Amino acid sequence: MNISVEFTLMPLQADFELPIIDFIRALHHSEFKVIENPLSTQIYGEYDSLMLFLNATIKASFDDIDHVVLNMKIVKSDRSEYEPHF
């Protein structure tokens, strides 16, 4: 089963930009499709392999940041080709 995952990583520290950039770079260095916009990042793939990757990537990010919030939404389908019709 394919899923779509949307993230917003929010380090609670003054120098917040580098941890966000590092997290997004880690996503881009994966085998999965990644799309960014100014407010969030989306990643798309097969559930089992994507969740294994995300578990390790999120843990590594959390290990590097003292205080952080990660908002995550998971949709049960690949929405990478979605285009609004309005």
PDB file of N, CA and C in Angstrom:
ATOM      1  N   MET A   1       0.842  -1.173   0.000  1.00  0.00           N
ATOM      2  CA  MET A   1       0.000   0.000   0.000  1.00  0.00           C
ATOM      3  C   MET A   1       0.885   1.234   0.000  1.00  0.00           C
ATOM      4  N   ASN A   2       0.499   2.217  -0.821  1.00  0.00           N
ATOM      5  CA  ASN A   2       1.246   3.475  -0.901  1.00  0.00           C
ATOM      6  C   ASN A   2       0.640   4.511   0.033  1.00  0.00           C
ATOM      7  N   ILE A   3       1.520   5.364   0.552  1.00  0.00           N
ATOM      8  CA  ILE A   3       1.083   6.432   1.444  1.00  0.00           C
ATOM      9  C   ILE A   3       1.734   7.751   1.046  1.00  0.00           C
ATOM     10  N   SER A   4       1.126   8.818   1.523  1.00  0.00           N
ATOM     11  CA  SER A   4       1.662  10.172   1.397  1.00  0.00           C
ATOM     12  C   SER A   4       1.828  10.704   2.810  1.00  0.00           C
ATOM     13  N   VAL A   5       2.980  11.297   3.097  1.00  0.00           N
ATOM     14  CA  VAL A   5       3.256  11.818   4.438  1.00  0.00           C
ATOM     15  C   VAL A   5       3.666  13.277   4.306  1.00  0.00           C
ATOM     16  N   GLU A   6       3.050  14.119   5.119  1.00  0.00           N
ATOM     17  CA  GLU A   6       3.385  15.542   5.139  1.00  0.00           C
ATOM     18  C   GLU A   6       4.000  15.881   6.494  1.00  0.00           C
ATOM     19  N   PHE A   7       5.115  16.611   6.467  1.00  0.00           N
ATOM     20  CA  PHE A   7       5.828  16.997   7.680  1.00  0.00           C
ATOM     21  C   PHE A   7       5.920  18.508   7.810  1.00  0.00           C
ATOM     22  N   THR A   8       5.933  18.947   9.055  1.00  0.00           N
ATOM     23  CA  THR A   8       6.407  20.278   9.401  1.00  0.00           C
ATOM     24  C   THR A   8       7.294  20.094  10.630  1.00  0.00           C
ATOM     25  N   LEU A   9       8.587  20.303  10.462  1.00  0.00           N
ATOM     26  CA  LEU A   9       9.561  20.173  11.549  1.00  0.00           C
ATOM     27  C   LEU A   9       9.803  21.554  12.127  1.00  0.00           C
ATOM     28  N   MET A  10       9.672  21.668  13.454  1.00  0.00           N
ATOM     29  CA  MET A  10       9.818  22.973  14.110  1.00  0.00           C
ATOM     30  C   MET A  10      10.770  22.871  15.298  1.00  0.00           C
ATOM     31  N   PRO A  11      12.070  23.084  15.068  1.00  0.00           N
ATOM     32  CA  PRO A  11      13.012  23.116  16.180  1.00  0.00           C
ATOM     33  C   PRO A  11      12.708  24.325  17.069  1.00  0.00           C
ATOM     34  N   LEU A  12      12.684  24.117  18.363  1.00  0.00           N
ATOM     35  CA  LEU A  12      12.383  25.184  19.320  1.00  0.00           C
ATOM     36  C   LEU A  12      13.689  25.770  19.841  1.00  0.00           C
ATOM     37  N   GLN A  13      14.391  26.450  18.947  1.00  0.00           N
ATOM     38  CA  GLN A  13      15.680  27.047  19.276  1.00  0.00           C
ATOM     39  C   GLN A  13      15.929  28.197  18.321  1.00  0.00           C
ATOM     40  N   ALA A  14      16.856  29.063  18.686  1.00  0.00           N
ATOM     41  CA  ALA A  14      17.134  30.260  17.885  1.00  0.00           C
ATOM     42  C   ALA A  14      17.681  29.900  16.502  1.00  0.00           C
ATOM     43  N   ASP A  15      18.579  28.943  16.432  1.00  0.00           N
ATOM     44  CA  ASP A  15      19.175  28.543  15.148  1.00  0.00           C
ATOM     45  C   ASP A  15      18.407  27.355  14.570  1.00  0.00           C
ATOM     46  N   PHE A  16      17.195  27.605  14.141  1.00  0.00           N
ATOM     47  CA  PHE A  16      16.281  26.551  13.712  1.00  0.00           C
ATOM     48  C   PHE A  16      16.452  26.132  12.257  1.00  0.00           C
ATOM     49  N   GLU A  17      17.071  26.959  11.424  1.00  0.00           N
ATOM     50  CA  GLU A  17      17.098  26.671   9.990  1.00  0.00           C
ATOM     51  C   GLU A  17      17.928  25.453   9.623  1.00  0.00           C
ATOM     52  N   LEU A  18      19.128  25.309  10.172  1.00  0.00           N
ATOM     53  CA  LEU A  18      20.003  24.198   9.798  1.00  0.00           C
ATOM     54  C   LEU A  18      19.385  22.831  10.116  1.00  0.00           C
ATOM     55  N   PRO A  19      18.774  22.615  11.286  1.00  0.00           N
ATOM     56  CA  PRO A  19      18.143  21.314  11.513  1.00  0.00           C
ATOM     57  C   PRO A  19      17.031  20.998  10.505  1.00  0.00           C
ATOM     58  N   ILE A  20      16.293  22.001  10.078  1.00  0.00           N
ATOM     59  CA  ILE A  20      15.243  21.786   9.077  1.00  0.00           C
ATOM     60  C   ILE A  20      15.874  21.403   7.743  1.00  0.00           C
ATOM     61  N   ILE A  21      16.900  22.130   7.353  1.00  0.00           N
ATOM     62  CA  ILE A  21      17.593  21.836   6.091  1.00  0.00           C
ATOM     63  C   ILE A  21      18.182  20.427   6.129  1.00  0.00           C
ATOM     64  N   ASP A  22      18.814  20.056   7.237  1.00  0.00           N
ATOM     65  CA  ASP A  22      19.390  18.712   7.363  1.00  0.00           C
ATOM     66  C   ASP A  22      18.322  17.627   7.252  1.00  0.00           C
ATOM     67  N   PHE A  23      17.162  17.857   7.864  1.00  0.00           N
ATOM     68  CA  PHE A  23      16.065  16.886   7.807  1.00  0.00           C
ATOM     69  C   PHE A  23      15.565  16.730   6.370  1.00  0.00           C
ATOM     70  N   ILE A  24      15.369  17.845   5.684  1.00  0.00           N
ATOM     71  CA  ILE A  24      14.886  17.787   4.303  1.00  0.00           C
ATOM     72  C   ILE A  24      15.926  17.140   3.390  1.00  0.00           C
ATOM     73  N   ARG A  25      17.193  17.425   3.609  1.00  0.00           N
ATOM     74  CA  ARG A  25      18.253  16.773   2.819  1.00  0.00           C
ATOM     75  C   ARG A  25      18.233  15.265   3.010  1.00  0.00           C
ATOM     76  N   ALA A  26      18.027  14.826   4.242  1.00  0.00           N
ATOM     77  CA  ALA A  26      17.951  13.384   4.497  1.00  0.00           C
ATOM     78  C   ALA A  26      16.786  12.762   3.729  1.00  0.00           C
ATOM     79  N   LEU A  27      15.671  13.462   3.671  1.00  0.00           N
ATOM     80  CA  LEU A  27      14.536  12.950   2.901  1.00  0.00           C
ATOM     81  C   LEU A  27      14.883  12.860   1.423  1.00  0.00           C
ATOM     82  N   HIS A  28      15.555  13.895   0.897  1.00  0.00           N
ATOM     83  CA  HIS A  28      15.916  13.903  -0.523  1.00  0.00           C
ATOM     84  C   HIS A  28      16.941  12.826  -0.873  1.00  0.00           C
ATOM     85  N   HIS A  29      17.755  12.402   0.080  1.00  0.00           N
ATOM     86  CA  HIS A  29      18.753  11.371  -0.187  1.00  0.00           C
ATOM     87  C   HIS A  29      18.175   9.965  -0.081  1.00  0.00           C
ATOM     88  N   SER A  30      16.870   9.861  -0.061  1.00  0.00           N
ATOM     89  CA  SER A  30      16.216   8.557   0.001  1.00  0.00           C
ATOM     90  C   SER A  30      15.771   8.143  -1.401  1.00  0.00           C
ATOM     91  N   GLU A  31      15.187   6.978  -1.470  1.00  0.00           N
ATOM     92  CA  GLU A  31      14.652   6.466  -2.733  1.00  0.00           C
ATOM     93  C   GLU A  31      13.243   6.989  -3.020  1.00  0.00           C
ATOM     94  N   PHE A  32      12.687   7.770  -2.111  1.00  0.00           N
ATOM     95  CA  PHE A  32      11.283   8.176  -2.188  1.00  0.00           C
ATOM     96  C   PHE A  32      11.125   9.528  -2.879  1.00  0.00           C
ATOM     97  N   LYS A  33       9.935   9.754  -3.416  1.00  0.00           N
ATOM     98  CA  LYS A  33       9.609  11.034  -4.033  1.00  0.00           C
ATOM     99  C   LYS A  33       9.354  12.058  -2.930  1.00  0.00           C
ATOM    100  N   VAL A  34      10.005  13.218  -3.020  1.00  0.00           N
ATOM    101  CA  VAL A  34       9.882  14.281  -2.026  1.00  0.00           C
ATOM    102  C   VAL A  34       9.485  15.569  -2.733  1.00  0.00           C
ATOM    103  N   ILE A  35       8.491  16.247  -2.172  1.00  0.00           N
ATOM    104  CA  ILE A  35       8.047  17.541  -2.698  1.00  0.00           C
ATOM    105  C   ILE A  35       8.039  18.531  -1.538  1.00  0.00           C
ATOM    106  N   GLU A  36       8.616  19.706  -1.766  1.00  0.00           N
ATOM    107  CA  GLU A  36       8.657  20.756  -0.738  1.00  0.00           C
ATOM    108  C   GLU A  36       7.761  21.915  -1.135  1.00  0.00           C
ATOM    109  N   ASN A  37       7.249  22.601  -0.131  1.00  0.00           N
ATOM    110  CA  ASN A  37       6.620  23.896  -0.329  1.00  0.00           C
ATOM    111  C   ASN A  37       7.042  24.759   0.857  1.00  0.00           C
ATOM    112  N   PRO A  38       6.678  26.023   0.898  1.00  0.00           N
ATOM    113  CA  PRO A  38       7.177  26.897   1.969  1.00  0.00           C
ATOM    114  C   PRO A  38       6.756  26.490   3.385  1.00  0.00           C
ATOM    115  N   LEU A  39       5.698  25.729   3.534  1.00  0.00           N
ATOM    116  CA  LEU A  39       5.196  25.406   4.869  1.00  0.00           C
ATOM    117  C   LEU A  39       5.405  23.963   5.299  1.00  0.00           C
ATOM    118  N   SER A  40       5.660  23.063   4.355  1.00  0.00           N
ATOM    119  CA  SER A  40       5.804  21.659   4.724  1.00  0.00           C
ATOM    120  C   SER A  40       6.558  20.910   3.636  1.00  0.00           C
ATOM    121  N   THR A  41       6.843  19.658   3.934  1.00  0.00           N
ATOM    122  CA  THR A  41       7.500  18.769   2.984  1.00  0.00           C
ATOM    123  C   THR A  41       6.681  17.494   2.923  1.00  0.00           C
ATOM    124  N   GLN A  42       6.504  16.975   1.716  1.00  0.00           N
ATOM    125  CA  GLN A  42       5.778  15.726   1.545  1.00  0.00           C
ATOM    126  C   GLN A  42       6.715  14.658   1.001  1.00  0.00           C
ATOM    127  N   ILE A  43       6.459  13.411   1.417  1.00  0.00           N
ATOM    128  CA  ILE A  43       7.222  12.275   0.925  1.00  0.00           C
ATOM    129  C   ILE A  43       6.224  11.161   0.618  1.00  0.00           C
ATOM    130  N   TYR A  44       6.506  10.399  -0.439  1.00  0.00           N
ATOM    131  CA  TYR A  44       5.556   9.410  -0.952  1.00  0.00           C
ATOM    132  C   TYR A  44       6.263   8.079  -1.161  1.00  0.00           C
ATOM    133  N   GLY A  45       5.569   6.989  -0.812  1.00  0.00           N
ATOM    134  CA  GLY A  45       6.157   5.681  -1.056  1.00  0.00           C
ATOM    135  C   GLY A  45       5.328   4.550  -0.487  1.00  0.00           C
ATOM    136  N   GLU A  46       5.897   3.366  -0.575  1.00  0.00           N
ATOM    137  CA  GLU A  46       5.254   2.158  -0.069  1.00  0.00           C
ATOM    138  C   GLU A  46       5.331   2.165   1.457  1.00  0.00           C
ATOM    139  N   TYR A  47       4.228   1.839   2.110  1.00  0.00           N
ATOM    140  CA  TYR A  47       4.073   2.011   3.557  1.00  0.00           C
ATOM    141  C   TYR A  47       5.229   1.427   4.360  1.00  0.00           C
ATOM    142  N   ASP A  48       5.500   0.135   4.212  1.00  0.00           N
ATOM    143  CA  ASP A  48       6.495  -0.521   5.077  1.00  0.00           C
ATOM    144  C   ASP A  48       7.887   0.081   4.913  1.00  0.00           C
ATOM    145  N   SER A  49       8.324   0.231   3.671  1.00  0.00           N
ATOM    146  CA  SER A  49       9.685   0.755   3.479  1.00  0.00           C
ATOM    147  C   SER A  49       9.778   2.236   3.857  1.00  0.00           C
ATOM    148  N   LEU A  50       8.735   3.011   3.558  1.00  0.00           N
ATOM    149  CA  LEU A  50       8.763   4.432   3.914  1.00  0.00           C
ATOM    150  C   LEU A  50       8.744   4.623   5.424  1.00  0.00           C
ATOM    151  N   MET A  51       7.920   3.874   6.135  1.00  0.00           N
ATOM    152  CA  MET A  51       7.855   4.026   7.589  1.00  0.00           C
ATOM    153  C   MET A  51       9.158   3.592   8.267  1.00  0.00           C
ATOM    154  N   LEU A  52       9.813   2.558   7.755  1.00  0.00           N
ATOM    155  CA  LEU A  52      11.130   2.167   8.302  1.00  0.00           C
ATOM    156  C   LEU A  52      12.134   3.309   8.109  1.00  0.00           C
ATOM    157  N   PHE A  53      12.145   3.884   6.912  1.00  0.00           N
ATOM    158  CA  PHE A  53      13.041   5.007   6.633  1.00  0.00           C
ATOM    159  C   PHE A  53      12.726   6.193   7.534  1.00  0.00           C
ATOM    160  N   LEU A  54      11.440   6.537   7.647  1.00  0.00           N
ATOM    161  CA  LEU A  54      11.054   7.694   8.457  1.00  0.00           C
ATOM    162  C   LEU A  54      11.369   7.490   9.930  1.00  0.00           C
ATOM    163  N   ASN A  55      11.177   6.290  10.430  1.00  0.00           N
ATOM    164  CA  ASN A  55      11.497   6.013  11.833  1.00  0.00           C
ATOM    165  C   ASN A  55      12.960   6.335  12.123  1.00  0.00           C
ATOM    166  N   ALA A  56      13.849   5.874  11.275  1.00  0.00           N
ATOM    167  CA  ALA A  56      15.281   6.135  11.473  1.00  0.00           C
ATOM    168  C   ALA A  56      15.625   7.609  11.267  1.00  0.00           C
ATOM    169  N   THR A  57      15.029   8.230  10.264  1.00  0.00           N
ATOM    170  CA  THR A  57      15.341   9.625   9.942  1.00  0.00           C
ATOM    171  C   THR A  57      14.822  10.575  11.014  1.00  0.00           C
ATOM    172  N   ILE A  58      13.619  10.340  11.492  1.00  0.00           N
ATOM    173  CA  ILE A  58      13.067  11.184  12.563  1.00  0.00           C
ATOM    174  C   ILE A  58      13.876  11.013  13.837  1.00  0.00           C
ATOM    175  N   LYS A  59      14.242   9.772  14.170  1.00  0.00           N
ATOM    176  CA  LYS A  59      15.038   9.537  15.381  1.00  0.00           C
ATOM    177  C   LYS A  59      16.380  10.261  15.292  1.00  0.00           C
ATOM    178  N   ALA A  60      17.040  10.191  14.152  1.00  0.00           N
ATOM    179  CA  ALA A  60      18.323  10.880  13.982  1.00  0.00           C
ATOM    180  C   ALA A  60      18.152  12.387  14.144  1.00  0.00           C
ATOM    181  N   SER A  61      17.083  12.925  13.595  1.00  0.00           N
ATOM    182  CA  SER A  61      16.815  14.356  13.736  1.00  0.00           C
ATOM    183  C   SER A  61      16.554  14.715  15.193  1.00  0.00           C
ATOM    184  N   PHE A  62      15.771  13.918  15.880  1.00  0.00           N
ATOM    185  CA  PHE A  62      15.473  14.170  17.289  1.00  0.00           C
ATOM    186  C   PHE A  62      16.729  14.056  18.150  1.00  0.00           C
ATOM    187  N   ASP A  63      17.629  13.145  17.784  1.00  0.00           N
ATOM    188  CA  ASP A  63      18.888  13.016  18.522  1.00  0.00           C
ATOM    189  C   ASP A  63      19.747  14.274  18.401  1.00  0.00           C
ATOM    190  N   ASP A  64      19.616  14.978  17.276  1.00  0.00           N
ATOM    191  CA  ASP A  64      20.438  16.167  17.012  1.00  0.00           C
ATOM    192  C   ASP A  64      19.832  17.471  17.532  1.00  0.00           C
ATOM    193  N   ILE A  65      18.547  17.472  17.896  1.00  0.00           N
ATOM    194  CA  ILE A  65      17.860  18.700  18.297  1.00  0.00           C
ATOM    195  C   ILE A  65      17.345  18.520  19.723  1.00  0.00           C
ATOM    196  N   ASP A  66      17.659  19.463  20.599  1.00  0.00           N
ATOM    197  CA  ASP A  66      17.241  19.337  21.999  1.00  0.00           C
ATOM    198  C   ASP A  66      15.726  19.437  22.180  1.00  0.00           C
ATOM    199  N   HIS A  67      15.101  20.404  21.528  1.00  0.00           N
ATOM    200  CA  HIS A  67      13.660  20.626  21.666  1.00  0.00           C
ATOM    201  C   HIS A  67      13.076  20.815  20.273  1.00  0.00           C
ATOM    202  N   VAL A  68      12.111  19.963  19.922  1.00  0.00           N
ATOM    203  CA  VAL A  68      11.580  20.000  18.563  1.00  0.00           C
ATOM    204  C   VAL A  68      10.147  19.489  18.547  1.00  0.00           C
ATOM    205  N   VAL A  69       9.361  20.033  17.626  1.00  0.00           N
ATOM    206  CA  VAL A  69       8.007  19.556  17.362  1.00  0.00           C
ATOM    207  C   VAL A  69       7.972  19.088  15.913  1.00  0.00           C
ATOM    208  N   LEU A  70       7.373  17.933  15.682  1.00  0.00           N
ATOM    209  CA  LEU A  70       7.203  17.420  14.325  1.00  0.00           C
ATOM    210  C   LEU A  70       5.726  17.134  14.120  1.00  0.00           C
ATOM    211  N   ASN A  71       5.092  17.897  13.225  1.00  0.00           N
ATOM    212  CA  ASN A  71       3.711  17.605  12.829  1.00  0.00           C
ATOM    213  C   ASN A  71       3.772  16.702  11.616  1.00  0.00           C
ATOM    214  N   MET A  72       2.975  15.637  11.643  1.00  0.00           N
ATOM    215  CA  MET A  72       3.006  14.682  10.550  1.00  0.00           C
ATOM    216  C   MET A  72       1.588  14.215  10.242  1.00  0.00           C
ATOM    217  N   LYS A  73       1.250  14.203   8.950  1.00  0.00           N
ATOM    218  CA  LYS A  73      -0.029  13.671   8.485  1.00  0.00           C
ATOM    219  C   LYS A  73       0.270  12.528   7.527  1.00  0.00           C
ATOM    220  N   ILE A  74      -0.497  11.456   7.649  1.00  0.00           N
ATOM    221  CA  ILE A  74      -0.336  10.308   6.759  1.00  0.00           C
ATOM    222  C   ILE A  74      -1.658  10.069   6.039  1.00  0.00           C
ATOM    223  N   VAL A  75      -1.583   9.955   4.718  1.00  0.00           N
ATOM    224  CA  VAL A  75      -2.755   9.674   3.889  1.00  0.00           C
ATOM    225  C   VAL A  75      -2.540   8.321   3.229  1.00  0.00           C
ATOM    226  N   LYS A  76      -3.559   7.479   3.269  1.00  0.00           N
ATOM    227  CA  LYS A  76      -3.454   6.147   2.671  1.00  0.00           C
ATOM    228  C   LYS A  76      -3.728   6.223   1.172  1.00  0.00           C
ATOM    229  N   SER A  77      -2.772   6.736   0.439  1.00  0.00           N
ATOM    230  CA  SER A  77      -2.758   6.759  -1.027  1.00  0.00           C
ATOM    231  C   SER A  77      -1.582   7.621  -1.458  1.00  0.00           C
ATOM    232  N   ASP A  78      -1.177   7.469  -2.691  1.00  0.00           N
ATOM    233  CA  ASP A  78      -0.114   8.311  -3.235  1.00  0.00           C
ATOM    234  C   ASP A  78      -0.776   9.541  -3.838  1.00  0.00           C
ATOM    235  N   ARG A  79      -0.600  10.686  -3.193  1.00  0.00           N
ATOM    236  CA  ARG A  79      -1.210  11.938  -3.640  1.00  0.00           C
ATOM    237  C   ARG A  79      -0.183  12.835  -4.340  1.00  0.00           C
ATOM    238  N   SER A  80       0.934  12.270  -4.768  1.00  0.00           N
ATOM    239  CA  SER A  80       2.011  13.080  -5.344  1.00  0.00           C
ATOM    240  C   SER A  80       1.632  13.744  -6.659  1.00  0.00           C
ATOM    241  N   GLU A  81       0.653  13.238  -7.356  1.00  0.00           N
ATOM    242  CA  GLU A  81       0.237  13.816  -8.624  1.00  0.00           C
ATOM    243  C   GLU A  81      -0.991  14.725  -8.478  1.00  0.00           C
ATOM    244  N   TYR A  82      -1.415  14.970  -7.263  1.00  0.00           N
ATOM    245  CA  TYR A  82      -2.626  15.787  -7.025  1.00  0.00           C
ATOM    246  C   TYR A  82      -2.419  17.215  -7.529  1.00  0.00           C
ATOM    247  N   GLU A  83      -3.411  17.724  -8.217  1.00  0.00           N
ATOM    248  CA  GLU A  83      -3.437  19.127  -8.630  1.00  0.00           C
ATOM    249  C   GLU A  83      -4.808  19.679  -8.297  1.00  0.00           C
ATOM    250  N   PRO A  84      -4.871  20.797  -7.597  1.00  0.00           N
ATOM    251  CA  PRO A  84      -6.177  21.372  -7.240  1.00  0.00           C
ATOM    252  C   PRO A  84      -6.942  21.835  -8.485  1.00  0.00           C
ATOM    253  N   HIS A  85      -8.247  21.740  -8.426  1.00  0.00           N
ATOM    254  CA  HIS A  85      -9.107  22.154  -9.545  1.00  0.00           C
ATOM    255  C   HIS A  85      -9.994  23.310  -9.131  1.00  0.00           C
ATOM    256  N   PHE A  86      -9.400  24.357  -8.609  1.00  0.00           N
ATOM    257  CA  PHE A  86     -10.190  25.527  -8.227  1.00  0.00           C
ATOM    258  C   PHE A  86      -9.498  26.782  -8.659  1.00  0.00           C
TER     259      PHE A  86
END
